[in-house]
Amino acid sequence: YFGTLAVTRAFAPQLAVAEGGGAVLNV
């Protein structure tokens, strides 16, 4: 839970500027 949240928050700014907005896959 907290690990997935922390990593997603850390990378969200990079995804935001990706063409098309990028994607996240949660296992």
mmCIF file of all heavy atoms, coordinates in Angstrom:
data_MODEL
# 
_entry.id   MODEL 
# 
loop_
_atom_site.group_PDB 
_atom_site.id 
_atom_site.type_symbol 
_atom_site.label_atom_id 
_atom_site.label_alt_id 
_atom_site.label_comp_id 
_atom_site.label_asym_id 
_atom_site.label_entity_id 
_atom_site.label_seq_id 
_atom_site.pdbx_PDB_ins_code 
_atom_site.Cartn_x 
_atom_site.Cartn_y 
_atom_site.Cartn_z 
_atom_site.occupancy 
_atom_site.B_iso_or_equiv 
_atom_site.pdbx_formal_charge 
_atom_site.auth_seq_id 
_atom_site.auth_comp_id 
_atom_site.auth_asym_id 
_atom_site.auth_atom_id 
_atom_site.pdbx_PDB_model_num 
ATOM 1   N N   . TYR A 1 1  ? 0.820  -1.216 0.000   1.00 0.00 ? 1  TYR A N   1 
ATOM 2   C CA  . TYR A 1 1  ? 0.000  0.000  0.000   1.00 0.00 ? 1  TYR A CA  1 
ATOM 3   C C   . TYR A 1 1  ? 0.852  1.265  0.000   1.00 0.00 ? 1  TYR A C   1 
ATOM 4   O O   . TYR A 1 1  ? 0.878  2.010  -0.982  1.00 0.00 ? 1  TYR A O   1 
ATOM 5   C CB  . TYR A 1 1  ? -0.956 0.005  1.192   1.00 0.00 ? 1  TYR A CB  1 
ATOM 6   C CG  . TYR A 1 1  ? -1.803 1.264  1.248   1.00 0.00 ? 1  TYR A CG  1 
ATOM 7   C CD1 . TYR A 1 1  ? -2.920 1.409  0.425   1.00 0.00 ? 1  TYR A CD1 1 
ATOM 8   C CD2 . TYR A 1 1  ? -1.465 2.327  2.085   1.00 0.00 ? 1  TYR A CD2 1 
ATOM 9   C CE1 . TYR A 1 1  ? -3.678 2.572  0.443   1.00 0.00 ? 1  TYR A CE1 1 
ATOM 10  C CE2 . TYR A 1 1  ? -2.220 3.492  2.112   1.00 0.00 ? 1  TYR A CE2 1 
ATOM 11  C CZ  . TYR A 1 1  ? -3.325 3.604  1.292   1.00 0.00 ? 1  TYR A CZ  1 
ATOM 12  O OH  . TYR A 1 1  ? -4.069 4.761  1.309   1.00 0.00 ? 1  TYR A OH  1 
ATOM 13  N N   . PHE A 1 2  ? 1.571  1.492  1.087   1.00 0.00 ? 2  PHE A N   1 
ATOM 14  C CA  . PHE A 1 2  ? 2.336  2.732  1.179   1.00 0.00 ? 2  PHE A CA  1 
ATOM 15  C C   . PHE A 1 2  ? 3.457  2.783  0.139   1.00 0.00 ? 2  PHE A C   1 
ATOM 16  O O   . PHE A 1 2  ? 3.761  3.859  -0.394  1.00 0.00 ? 2  PHE A O   1 
ATOM 17  C CB  . PHE A 1 2  ? 2.896  2.908  2.590   1.00 0.00 ? 2  PHE A CB  1 
ATOM 18  C CG  . PHE A 1 2  ? 1.853  3.230  3.618   1.00 0.00 ? 2  PHE A CG  1 
ATOM 19  C CD1 . PHE A 1 2  ? 1.487  2.289  4.566   1.00 0.00 ? 2  PHE A CD1 1 
ATOM 20  C CD2 . PHE A 1 2  ? 1.213  4.459  3.627   1.00 0.00 ? 2  PHE A CD2 1 
ATOM 21  C CE1 . PHE A 1 2  ? 0.508  2.573  5.519   1.00 0.00 ? 2  PHE A CE1 1 
ATOM 22  C CE2 . PHE A 1 2  ? 0.238  4.757  4.564   1.00 0.00 ? 2  PHE A CE2 1 
ATOM 23  C CZ  . PHE A 1 2  ? -0.119 3.812  5.514   1.00 0.00 ? 2  PHE A CZ  1 
ATOM 24  N N   . GLY A 1 3  ? 4.062  1.637  -0.162  1.00 0.00 ? 3  GLY A N   1 
ATOM 25  C CA  . GLY A 1 3  ? 5.104  1.619  -1.179  1.00 0.00 ? 3  GLY A CA  1 
ATOM 26  C C   . GLY A 1 3  ? 4.561  1.987  -2.549  1.00 0.00 ? 3  GLY A C   1 
ATOM 27  O O   . GLY A 1 3  ? 5.150  2.802  -3.265  1.00 0.00 ? 3  GLY A O   1 
ATOM 28  N N   . THR A 1 4  ? 3.438  1.381  -2.917  1.00 0.00 ? 4  THR A N   1 
ATOM 29  C CA  . THR A 1 4  ? 2.807  1.711  -4.205  1.00 0.00 ? 4  THR A CA  1 
ATOM 30  C C   . THR A 1 4  ? 2.429  3.189  -4.262  1.00 0.00 ? 4  THR A C   1 
ATOM 31  O O   . THR A 1 4  ? 2.634  3.861  -5.283  1.00 0.00 ? 4  THR A O   1 
ATOM 32  C CB  . THR A 1 4  ? 1.556  0.837  -4.414  1.00 0.00 ? 4  THR A CB  1 
ATOM 33  O OG1 . THR A 1 4  ? 1.961  -0.530 -4.521  1.00 0.00 ? 4  THR A OG1 1 
ATOM 34  C CG2 . THR A 1 4  ? 0.808  1.238  -5.674  1.00 0.00 ? 4  THR A CG2 1 
ATOM 35  N N   . LEU A 1 5  ? 1.893  3.705  -3.165  1.00 0.00 ? 5  LEU A N   1 
ATOM 36  C CA  . LEU A 1 5  ? 1.511  5.116  -3.117  1.00 0.00 ? 5  LEU A CA  1 
ATOM 37  C C   . LEU A 1 5  ? 2.730  6.019  -3.257  1.00 0.00 ? 5  LEU A C   1 
ATOM 38  O O   . LEU A 1 5  ? 2.733  6.972  -4.039  1.00 0.00 ? 5  LEU A O   1 
ATOM 39  C CB  . LEU A 1 5  ? 0.774  5.407  -1.815  1.00 0.00 ? 5  LEU A CB  1 
ATOM 40  C CG  . LEU A 1 5  ? 0.387  6.869  -1.572  1.00 0.00 ? 5  LEU A CG  1 
ATOM 41  C CD1 . LEU A 1 5  ? -0.492 7.409  -2.698  1.00 0.00 ? 5  LEU A CD1 1 
ATOM 42  C CD2 . LEU A 1 5  ? -0.308 7.010  -0.221  1.00 0.00 ? 5  LEU A CD2 1 
ATOM 43  N N   . ALA A 1 6  ? 3.790  5.721  -2.505  1.00 0.00 ? 6  ALA A N   1 
ATOM 44  C CA  . ALA A 1 6  ? 4.984  6.569  -2.523  1.00 0.00 ? 6  ALA A CA  1 
ATOM 45  C C   . ALA A 1 6  ? 5.628  6.597  -3.905  1.00 0.00 ? 6  ALA A C   1 
ATOM 46  O O   . ALA A 1 6  ? 6.016  7.662  -4.405  1.00 0.00 ? 6  ALA A O   1 
ATOM 47  C CB  . ALA A 1 6  ? 5.985  6.078  -1.479  1.00 0.00 ? 6  ALA A CB  1 
ATOM 48  N N   . VAL A 1 7  ? 5.742  5.434  -4.536  1.00 0.00 ? 7  VAL A N   1 
ATOM 49  C CA  . VAL A 1 7  ? 6.375  5.371  -5.847  1.00 0.00 ? 7  VAL A CA  1 
ATOM 50  C C   . VAL A 1 7  ? 5.532  6.103  -6.889  1.00 0.00 ? 7  VAL A C   1 
ATOM 51  O O   . VAL A 1 7  ? 6.049  6.848  -7.727  1.00 0.00 ? 7  VAL A O   1 
ATOM 52  C CB  . VAL A 1 7  ? 6.627  3.908  -6.265  1.00 0.00 ? 7  VAL A CB  1 
ATOM 53  C CG1 . VAL A 1 7  ? 7.145  3.824  -7.688  1.00 0.00 ? 7  VAL A CG1 1 
ATOM 54  C CG2 . VAL A 1 7  ? 7.619  3.245  -5.310  1.00 0.00 ? 7  VAL A CG2 1 
ATOM 55  N N   . THR A 1 8  ? 4.219  5.913  -6.840  1.00 0.00 ? 8  THR A N   1 
ATOM 56  C CA  . THR A 1 8  ? 3.351  6.588  -7.804  1.00 0.00 ? 8  THR A CA  1 
ATOM 57  C C   . THR A 1 8  ? 3.408  8.101  -7.638  1.00 0.00 ? 8  THR A C   1 
ATOM 58  O O   . THR A 1 8  ? 3.483  8.848  -8.627  1.00 0.00 ? 8  THR A O   1 
ATOM 59  C CB  . THR A 1 8  ? 1.898  6.085  -7.664  1.00 0.00 ? 8  THR A CB  1 
ATOM 60  O OG1 . THR A 1 8  ? 1.878  4.664  -7.786  1.00 0.00 ? 8  THR A OG1 1 
ATOM 61  C CG2 . THR A 1 8  ? 1.012  6.699  -8.743  1.00 0.00 ? 8  THR A CG2 1 
ATOM 62  N N   . ARG A 1 9  ? 3.403  8.571  -6.404  1.00 0.00 ? 9  ARG A N   1 
ATOM 63  C CA  . ARG A 1 9  ? 3.505  10.010 -6.169  1.00 0.00 ? 9  ARG A CA  1 
ATOM 64  C C   . ARG A 1 9  ? 4.835  10.560 -6.693  1.00 0.00 ? 9  ARG A C   1 
ATOM 65  O O   . ARG A 1 9  ? 4.882  11.665 -7.256  1.00 0.00 ? 9  ARG A O   1 
ATOM 66  C CB  . ARG A 1 9  ? 3.352  10.320 -4.681  1.00 0.00 ? 9  ARG A CB  1 
ATOM 67  C CG  . ARG A 1 9  ? 1.933  10.127 -4.169  1.00 0.00 ? 9  ARG A CG  1 
ATOM 68  C CD  . ARG A 1 9  ? 1.820  10.242 -2.667  1.00 0.00 ? 9  ARG A CD  1 
ATOM 69  N NE  . ARG A 1 9  ? 2.175  11.558 -2.180  1.00 0.00 ? 9  ARG A NE  1 
ATOM 70  C CZ  . ARG A 1 9  ? 1.560  12.151 -1.156  1.00 0.00 ? 9  ARG A CZ  1 
ATOM 71  N NH1 . ARG A 1 9  ? 0.545  11.542 -0.527  1.00 0.00 ? 9  ARG A NH1 1 
ATOM 72  N NH2 . ARG A 1 9  ? 1.939  13.337 -0.754  1.00 0.00 ? 9  ARG A NH2 1 
ATOM 73  N N   . ALA A 1 10 ? 5.898  9.784  -6.520  1.00 0.00 ? 10 ALA A N   1 
ATOM 74  C CA  . ALA A 1 10 ? 7.218  10.249 -6.950  1.00 0.00 ? 10 ALA A CA  1 
ATOM 75  C C   . ALA A 1 10 ? 7.327  10.353 -8.469  1.00 0.00 ? 10 ALA A C   1 
ATOM 76  O O   . ALA A 1 10 ? 8.008  11.247 -8.994  1.00 0.00 ? 10 ALA A O   1 
ATOM 77  C CB  . ALA A 1 10 ? 8.297  9.315  -6.404  1.00 0.00 ? 10 ALA A CB  1 
ATOM 78  N N   . PHE A 1 11 ? 6.661  9.429  -9.182  1.00 0.00 ? 11 PHE A N   1 
ATOM 79  C CA  . PHE A 1 11 ? 6.781  9.398  -10.640 1.00 0.00 ? 11 PHE A CA  1 
ATOM 80  C C   . PHE A 1 11 ? 5.647  10.124 -11.363 1.00 0.00 ? 11 PHE A C   1 
ATOM 81  O O   . PHE A 1 11 ? 5.727  10.335 -12.575 1.00 0.00 ? 11 PHE A O   1 
ATOM 82  C CB  . PHE A 1 11 ? 6.862  7.952  -11.123 1.00 0.00 ? 11 PHE A CB  1 
ATOM 83  C CG  . PHE A 1 11 ? 8.235  7.353  -10.979 1.00 0.00 ? 11 PHE A CG  1 
ATOM 84  C CD1 . PHE A 1 11 ? 8.580  6.652  -9.824  1.00 0.00 ? 11 PHE A CD1 1 
ATOM 85  C CD2 . PHE A 1 11 ? 9.183  7.497  -11.984 1.00 0.00 ? 11 PHE A CD2 1 
ATOM 86  C CE1 . PHE A 1 11 ? 9.847  6.112  -9.676  1.00 0.00 ? 11 PHE A CE1 1 
ATOM 87  C CE2 . PHE A 1 11 ? 10.452 6.955  -11.847 1.00 0.00 ? 11 PHE A CE2 1 
ATOM 88  C CZ  . PHE A 1 11 ? 10.795 6.265  -10.686 1.00 0.00 ? 11 PHE A CZ  1 
ATOM 89  N N   . ALA A 1 12 ? 4.598  10.504 -10.650 1.00 0.00 ? 12 ALA A N   1 
ATOM 90  C CA  . ALA A 1 12 ? 3.454  11.159 -11.293 1.00 0.00 ? 12 ALA A CA  1 
ATOM 91  C C   . ALA A 1 12 ? 3.842  12.396 -12.094 1.00 0.00 ? 12 ALA A C   1 
ATOM 92  O O   . ALA A 1 12 ? 3.309  12.616 -13.195 1.00 0.00 ? 12 ALA A O   1 
ATOM 93  C CB  . ALA A 1 12 ? 2.382  11.496 -10.253 1.00 0.00 ? 12 ALA A CB  1 
ATOM 94  N N   . PRO A 1 13 ? 4.758  13.251 -11.611 1.00 0.00 ? 13 PRO A N   1 
ATOM 95  C CA  . PRO A 1 13 ? 5.127  14.416 -12.418 1.00 0.00 ? 13 PRO A CA  1 
ATOM 96  C C   . PRO A 1 13 ? 5.743  14.044 -13.763 1.00 0.00 ? 13 PRO A C   1 
ATOM 97  O O   . PRO A 1 13 ? 5.514  14.735 -14.766 1.00 0.00 ? 13 PRO A O   1 
ATOM 98  C CB  . PRO A 1 13 ? 6.135  15.154 -11.525 1.00 0.00 ? 13 PRO A CB  1 
ATOM 99  C CG  . PRO A 1 13 ? 5.761  14.753 -10.133 1.00 0.00 ? 13 PRO A CG  1 
ATOM 100 C CD  . PRO A 1 13 ? 5.358  13.309 -10.254 1.00 0.00 ? 13 PRO A CD  1 
ATOM 101 N N   . GLN A 1 14 ? 6.534  12.969 -13.806 1.00 0.00 ? 14 GLN A N   1 
ATOM 102 C CA  . GLN A 1 14 ? 7.096  12.533 -15.079 1.00 0.00 ? 14 GLN A CA  1 
ATOM 103 C C   . GLN A 1 14 ? 5.993  12.030 -16.012 1.00 0.00 ? 14 GLN A C   1 
ATOM 104 O O   . GLN A 1 14 ? 5.999  12.318 -17.215 1.00 0.00 ? 14 GLN A O   1 
ATOM 105 C CB  . GLN A 1 14 ? 8.130  11.425 -14.867 1.00 0.00 ? 14 GLN A CB  1 
ATOM 106 C CG  . GLN A 1 14 ? 9.376  11.863 -14.109 1.00 0.00 ? 14 GLN A CG  1 
ATOM 107 C CD  . GLN A 1 14 ? 10.461 10.800 -14.118 1.00 0.00 ? 14 GLN A CD  1 
ATOM 108 O OE1 . GLN A 1 14 ? 10.762 10.213 -15.153 1.00 0.00 ? 14 GLN A OE1 1 
ATOM 109 N NE2 . GLN A 1 14 ? 11.056 10.561 -12.960 1.00 0.00 ? 14 GLN A NE2 1 
ATOM 110 N N   . LEU A 1 15 ? 5.051  11.284 -15.461 1.00 0.00 ? 15 LEU A N   1 
ATOM 111 C CA  . LEU A 1 15 ? 3.954  10.781 -16.281 1.00 0.00 ? 15 LEU A CA  1 
ATOM 112 C C   . LEU A 1 15 ? 3.101  11.922 -16.813 1.00 0.00 ? 15 LEU A C   1 
ATOM 113 O O   . LEU A 1 15 ? 2.581  11.846 -17.928 1.00 0.00 ? 15 LEU A O   1 
ATOM 114 C CB  . LEU A 1 15 ? 3.097  9.813  -15.459 1.00 0.00 ? 15 LEU A CB  1 
ATOM 115 C CG  . LEU A 1 15 ? 3.812  8.564  -14.927 1.00 0.00 ? 15 LEU A CG  1 
ATOM 116 C CD1 . LEU A 1 15 ? 2.881  7.794  -13.990 1.00 0.00 ? 15 LEU A CD1 1 
ATOM 117 C CD2 . LEU A 1 15 ? 4.269  7.670  -16.068 1.00 0.00 ? 15 LEU A CD2 1 
ATOM 118 N N   . ALA A 1 16 ? 2.971  12.975 -16.033 1.00 0.00 ? 16 ALA A N   1 
ATOM 119 C CA  . ALA A 1 16 ? 2.124  14.097 -16.426 1.00 0.00 ? 16 ALA A CA  1 
ATOM 120 C C   . ALA A 1 16 ? 2.607  14.772 -17.707 1.00 0.00 ? 16 ALA A C   1 
ATOM 121 O O   . ALA A 1 16 ? 1.806  15.285 -18.488 1.00 0.00 ? 16 ALA A O   1 
ATOM 122 C CB  . ALA A 1 16 ? 2.046  15.130 -15.298 1.00 0.00 ? 16 ALA A CB  1 
ATOM 123 N N   . VAL A 1 17 ? 3.928  14.771 -17.909 1.00 0.00 ? 17 VAL A N   1 
ATOM 124 C CA  . VAL A 1 17 ? 4.467  15.456 -19.086 1.00 0.00 ? 17 VAL A CA  1 
ATOM 125 C C   . VAL A 1 17 ? 4.704  14.490 -20.244 1.00 0.00 ? 17 VAL A C   1 
ATOM 126 O O   . VAL A 1 17 ? 5.116  14.907 -21.325 1.00 0.00 ? 17 VAL A O   1 
ATOM 127 C CB  . VAL A 1 17 ? 5.780  16.192 -18.751 1.00 0.00 ? 17 VAL A CB  1 
ATOM 128 C CG1 . VAL A 1 17 ? 5.531  17.246 -17.690 1.00 0.00 ? 17 VAL A CG1 1 
ATOM 129 C CG2 . VAL A 1 17 ? 6.874  15.227 -18.308 1.00 0.00 ? 17 VAL A CG2 1 
ATOM 130 N N   . ALA A 1 18 ? 4.422  13.208 -20.025 1.00 0.00 ? 18 ALA A N   1 
ATOM 131 C CA  . ALA A 1 18 ? 4.579  12.225 -21.096 1.00 0.00 ? 18 ALA A CA  1 
ATOM 132 C C   . ALA A 1 18 ? 3.509  12.441 -22.153 1.00 0.00 ? 18 ALA A C   1 
ATOM 133 O O   . ALA A 1 18 ? 2.386  12.843 -21.855 1.00 0.00 ? 18 ALA A O   1 
ATOM 134 C CB  . ALA A 1 18 ? 4.471  10.808 -20.535 1.00 0.00 ? 18 ALA A CB  1 
ATOM 135 N N   . GLU A 1 19 ? 3.857  12.166 -23.387 1.00 0.00 ? 19 GLU A N   1 
ATOM 136 C CA  . GLU A 1 19 ? 2.875  12.271 -24.461 1.00 0.00 ? 19 GLU A CA  1 
ATOM 137 C C   . GLU A 1 19 ? 1.713  11.319 -24.178 1.00 0.00 ? 19 GLU A C   1 
ATOM 138 O O   . GLU A 1 19 ? 1.908  10.131 -23.948 1.00 0.00 ? 19 GLU A O   1 
ATOM 139 C CB  . GLU A 1 19 ? 3.513  11.924 -25.804 1.00 0.00 ? 19 GLU A CB  1 
ATOM 140 C CG  . GLU A 1 19 ? 2.573  12.086 -26.984 1.00 0.00 ? 19 GLU A CG  1 
ATOM 141 C CD  . GLU A 1 19 ? 3.227  11.799 -28.316 1.00 0.00 ? 19 GLU A CD  1 
ATOM 142 O OE1 . GLU A 1 19 ? 4.453  11.562 -28.335 1.00 0.00 ? 19 GLU A OE1 1 
ATOM 143 O OE2 . GLU A 1 19 ? 2.511  11.789 -29.329 1.00 0.00 ? 19 GLU A OE2 1 
ATOM 144 N N   . GLY A 1 20 ? 0.512  11.842 -24.164 1.00 0.00 ? 20 GLY A N   1 
ATOM 145 C CA  . GLY A 1 20 ? -0.657 11.022 -23.865 1.00 0.00 ? 20 GLY A CA  1 
ATOM 146 C C   . GLY A 1 20 ? -0.894 10.805 -22.389 1.00 0.00 ? 20 GLY A C   1 
ATOM 147 O O   . GLY A 1 20 ? -1.883 10.188 -22.004 1.00 0.00 ? 20 GLY A O   1 
ATOM 148 N N   . GLY A 1 21 ? 0.010  11.278 -21.531 1.00 0.00 ? 21 GLY A N   1 
ATOM 149 C CA  . GLY A 1 21 ? -0.182 11.164 -20.087 1.00 0.00 ? 21 GLY A CA  1 
ATOM 150 C C   . GLY A 1 21 ? 0.415  9.937  -19.443 1.00 0.00 ? 21 GLY A C   1 
ATOM 151 O O   . GLY A 1 21 ? 0.401  9.803  -18.221 1.00 0.00 ? 21 GLY A O   1 
ATOM 152 N N   . GLY A 1 22 ? 0.940  9.001  -20.259 1.00 0.00 ? 22 GLY A N   1 
ATOM 153 C CA  . GLY A 1 22 ? 1.580  7.827  -19.687 1.00 0.00 ? 22 GLY A CA  1 
ATOM 154 C C   . GLY A 1 22 ? 0.602  6.871  -19.027 1.00 0.00 ? 22 GLY A C   1 
ATOM 155 O O   . GLY A 1 22 ? -0.620 7.006  -19.151 1.00 0.00 ? 22 GLY A O   1 
ATOM 156 N N   . ALA A 1 23 ? 1.167  5.896  -18.306 1.00 0.00 ? 23 ALA A N   1 
ATOM 157 C CA  . ALA A 1 23 ? 0.327  4.854  -17.708 1.00 0.00 ? 23 ALA A CA  1 
ATOM 158 C C   . ALA A 1 23 ? 0.992  4.277  -16.467 1.00 0.00 ? 23 ALA A C   1 
ATOM 159 O O   . ALA A 1 23 ? 2.212  4.362  -16.286 1.00 0.00 ? 23 ALA A O   1 
ATOM 160 C CB  . ALA A 1 23 ? 0.071  3.730  -18.717 1.00 0.00 ? 23 ALA A CB  1 
ATOM 161 N N   . VAL A 1 24 ? 0.159  3.677  -15.620 1.00 0.00 ? 24 VAL A N   1 
ATOM 162 C CA  . VAL A 1 24 ? 0.604  2.966  -14.419 1.00 0.00 ? 24 VAL A CA  1 
ATOM 163 C C   . VAL A 1 24 ? -0.003 1.567  -14.464 1.00 0.00 ? 24 VAL A C   1 
ATOM 164 O O   . VAL A 1 24 ? -1.189 1.406  -14.769 1.00 0.00 ? 24 VAL A O   1 
ATOM 165 C CB  . VAL A 1 24 ? 0.144  3.683  -13.130 1.00 0.00 ? 24 VAL A CB  1 
ATOM 166 C CG1 . VAL A 1 24 ? 0.543  2.879  -11.890 1.00 0.00 ? 24 VAL A CG1 1 
ATOM 167 C CG2 . VAL A 1 24 ? 0.724  5.096  -13.069 1.00 0.00 ? 24 VAL A CG2 1 
ATOM 168 N N   . LEU A 1 25 ? 0.814  0.568  -14.152 1.00 0.00 ? 25 LEU A N   1 
ATOM 169 C CA  . LEU A 1 25 ? 0.337  -0.804 -13.974 1.00 0.00 ? 25 LEU A CA  1 
ATOM 170 C C   . LEU A 1 25 ? 0.595  -1.212 -12.533 1.00 0.00 ? 25 LEU A C   1 
ATOM 171 O O   . LEU A 1 25 ? 1.747  -1.236 -12.092 1.00 0.00 ? 25 LEU A O   1 
ATOM 172 C CB  . LEU A 1 25 ? 1.056  -1.763 -14.924 1.00 0.00 ? 25 LEU A CB  1 
ATOM 173 C CG  . LEU A 1 25 ? 0.805  -3.265 -14.692 1.00 0.00 ? 25 LEU A CG  1 
ATOM 174 C CD1 . LEU A 1 25 ? -0.663 -3.618 -14.941 1.00 0.00 ? 25 LEU A CD1 1 
ATOM 175 C CD2 . LEU A 1 25 ? 1.716  -4.115 -15.580 1.00 0.00 ? 25 LEU A CD2 1 
ATOM 176 N N   . ASN A 1 26 ? -0.464 -1.507 -11.799 1.00 0.00 ? 26 ASN A N   1 
ATOM 177 C CA  . ASN A 1 26 ? -0.337 -1.995 -10.426 1.00 0.00 ? 26 ASN A CA  1 
ATOM 178 C C   . ASN A 1 26 ? -0.579 -3.496 -10.403 1.00 0.00 ? 26 ASN A C   1 
ATOM 179 O O   . ASN A 1 26 ? -1.643 -3.966 -10.832 1.00 0.00 ? 26 ASN A O   1 
ATOM 180 C CB  . ASN A 1 26 ? -1.334 -1.303 -9.499  1.00 0.00 ? 26 ASN A CB  1 
ATOM 181 C CG  . ASN A 1 26 ? -0.912 0.116  -9.162  1.00 0.00 ? 26 ASN A CG  1 
ATOM 182 O OD1 . ASN A 1 26 ? 0.231  0.512  -9.410  1.00 0.00 ? 26 ASN A OD1 1 
ATOM 183 N ND2 . ASN A 1 26 ? -1.823 0.889  -8.591  1.00 0.00 ? 26 ASN A ND2 1 
ATOM 184 N N   . VAL A 1 27 ? 0.411  -4.234 -9.902  1.00 0.00 ? 27 VAL A N   1 
ATOM 185 C CA  . VAL A 1 27 ? 0.297  -5.687 -9.805  1.00 0.00 ? 27 VAL A CA  1 
ATOM 186 C C   . VAL A 1 27 ? -0.423 -6.021 -8.506  1.00 0.00 ? 27 VAL A C   1 
ATOM 187 O O   . VAL A 1 27 ? 0.139  -5.892 -7.413  1.00 0.00 ? 27 VAL A O   1 
ATOM 188 C CB  . VAL A 1 27 ? 1.675  -6.354 -9.865  1.00 0.00 ? 27 VAL A CB  1 
ATOM 189 C CG1 . VAL A 1 27 ? 1.541  -7.870 -9.711  1.00 0.00 ? 27 VAL A CG1 1 
ATOM 190 C CG2 . VAL A 1 27 ? 2.373  -6.011 -11.186 1.00 0.00 ? 27 VAL A CG2 1 
# 
